[in-house]
Each structure stands twice: as structure tokens, then as C-alpha cells.
């Protein structure tokens, strides 16, 4: 399988038990991929500006307790 269309066709044709396994695998894969990207962005400083603004807003009382 080398194209998205081929993968889509294969997924559509999976029996229910195999689709369930695939979904569980893909959910885990997707979460791990997101976590790695998020960590990479943090280490690269891409979120520093947002964090600084959040801290400033908190200090200045512009936050609501959850």
C-alpha cells in the first residue's frame, strides 16, 4: 500500500474486529505523534510567547479559576 486511496480502501473493507484493532492502534499512533511534535515545539521555543502571555495575564488578574 503506497497511496492514501489504497489505505482508505483497505480500512473501509476491514471486518469489524479488525477495524476495532486498527482504530485502537491508530489512536495510540496519533497521540504519540502529537506528543512528539508538541515536545519538539516546546524544545524549539515555539510556545514561549504563549506561555509568557499566559503568565502575564495571570499576574494581572485576567484569568478565571476553573
Protein backbone atom coordinates (compact mmCIF):
# COMPACT_ATOMS: atom_id res chain seq x y z
CA UNK A 1 0.00 0.00 0.00
CA UNK A 2 1.59 3.19 -1.12
CA UNK A 3 -1.22 5.67 -1.54
CA UNK A 4 -3.82 7.15 0.76
CA UNK A 5 -6.56 5.86 -1.54
CA UNK A 6 -5.27 2.29 -1.17
CA UNK A 7 -5.12 2.63 2.59
CA UNK A 8 -8.63 4.09 2.70
CA UNK A 9 -9.95 1.21 0.61
CA UNK A 10 -8.26 -1.33 2.87
CA UNK A 11 -9.67 0.30 6.01
CA UNK A 12 -13.19 0.50 4.58
CA UNK A 13 -13.05 -3.22 3.83
CA UNK A 14 -11.82 -4.35 7.25
CA UNK A 15 -14.09 -6.66 9.22
CA UNK A 16 -15.42 -5.05 12.42
CA UNK A 17 -12.97 -6.78 14.80
CA UNK A 18 -10.01 -5.75 12.63
CA UNK A 19 -11.37 -2.21 12.30
CA UNK A 20 -11.55 -2.01 16.10
CA UNK A 21 -7.90 -3.12 16.37
CA UNK A 22 -6.89 -0.64 13.68
CA UNK A 23 -8.69 2.23 15.43
CA UNK A 24 -7.03 1.43 18.73
CA UNK A 25 -3.63 1.24 17.05
CA UNK A 26 -4.20 4.46 15.11
CA UNK A 27 -5.42 6.36 18.18
CA UNK A 28 -2.24 5.39 20.02
CA UNK A 29 -0.06 6.18 16.99
CA UNK A 30 -1.74 9.55 16.51
CA UNK A 31 -1.41 10.51 20.19
CA UNK A 32 2.27 9.55 20.26
CA UNK A 33 2.92 11.51 17.07
CA UNK A 34 1.16 14.57 18.52
CA UNK A 35 3.12 14.25 21.77
CA UNK A 36 6.44 14.12 19.91
CA UNK A 37 5.53 17.19 17.84
CA UNK A 38 4.37 19.09 20.93
CA UNK A 39 7.59 18.24 22.77
CA UNK A 40 9.64 19.30 19.75
CA UNK A 41 7.78 22.61 19.57
CA UNK A 42 8.39 23.22 23.28
CA UNK A 43 12.11 22.48 22.98
CA UNK A 44 12.32 24.78 19.96
CA UNK A 45 10.76 27.60 21.96
CA UNK A 46 7.70 27.86 19.73
CA UNK A 47 5.36 28.11 22.72
CA UNK A 48 7.39 30.58 24.79
CA UNK A 49 5.44 33.61 23.61
CA UNK A 50 2.14 31.95 24.54
CA UNK A 51 3.44 30.87 27.94
CA UNK A 52 4.77 34.36 28.67
CA UNK A 53 1.41 35.91 27.74
CA UNK A 54 -0.48 33.41 29.92
CA UNK A 55 1.75 34.16 32.91
CA UNK A 56 1.34 37.90 32.37
CA UNK A 57 -2.44 37.56 32.14
CA UNK A 58 -2.47 35.50 35.35
CA UNK A 59 -0.36 38.04 37.24
CA UNK A 60 -2.62 40.85 36.06
CA UNK A 61 -5.76 39.00 37.14
CA UNK A 62 -7.16 38.34 33.69
CA UNK A 63 -7.76 34.64 34.37
CA UNK A 64 -10.75 32.72 35.62
CA UNK A 65 -10.40 29.88 38.13
CA UNK A 66 -11.53 26.54 36.82
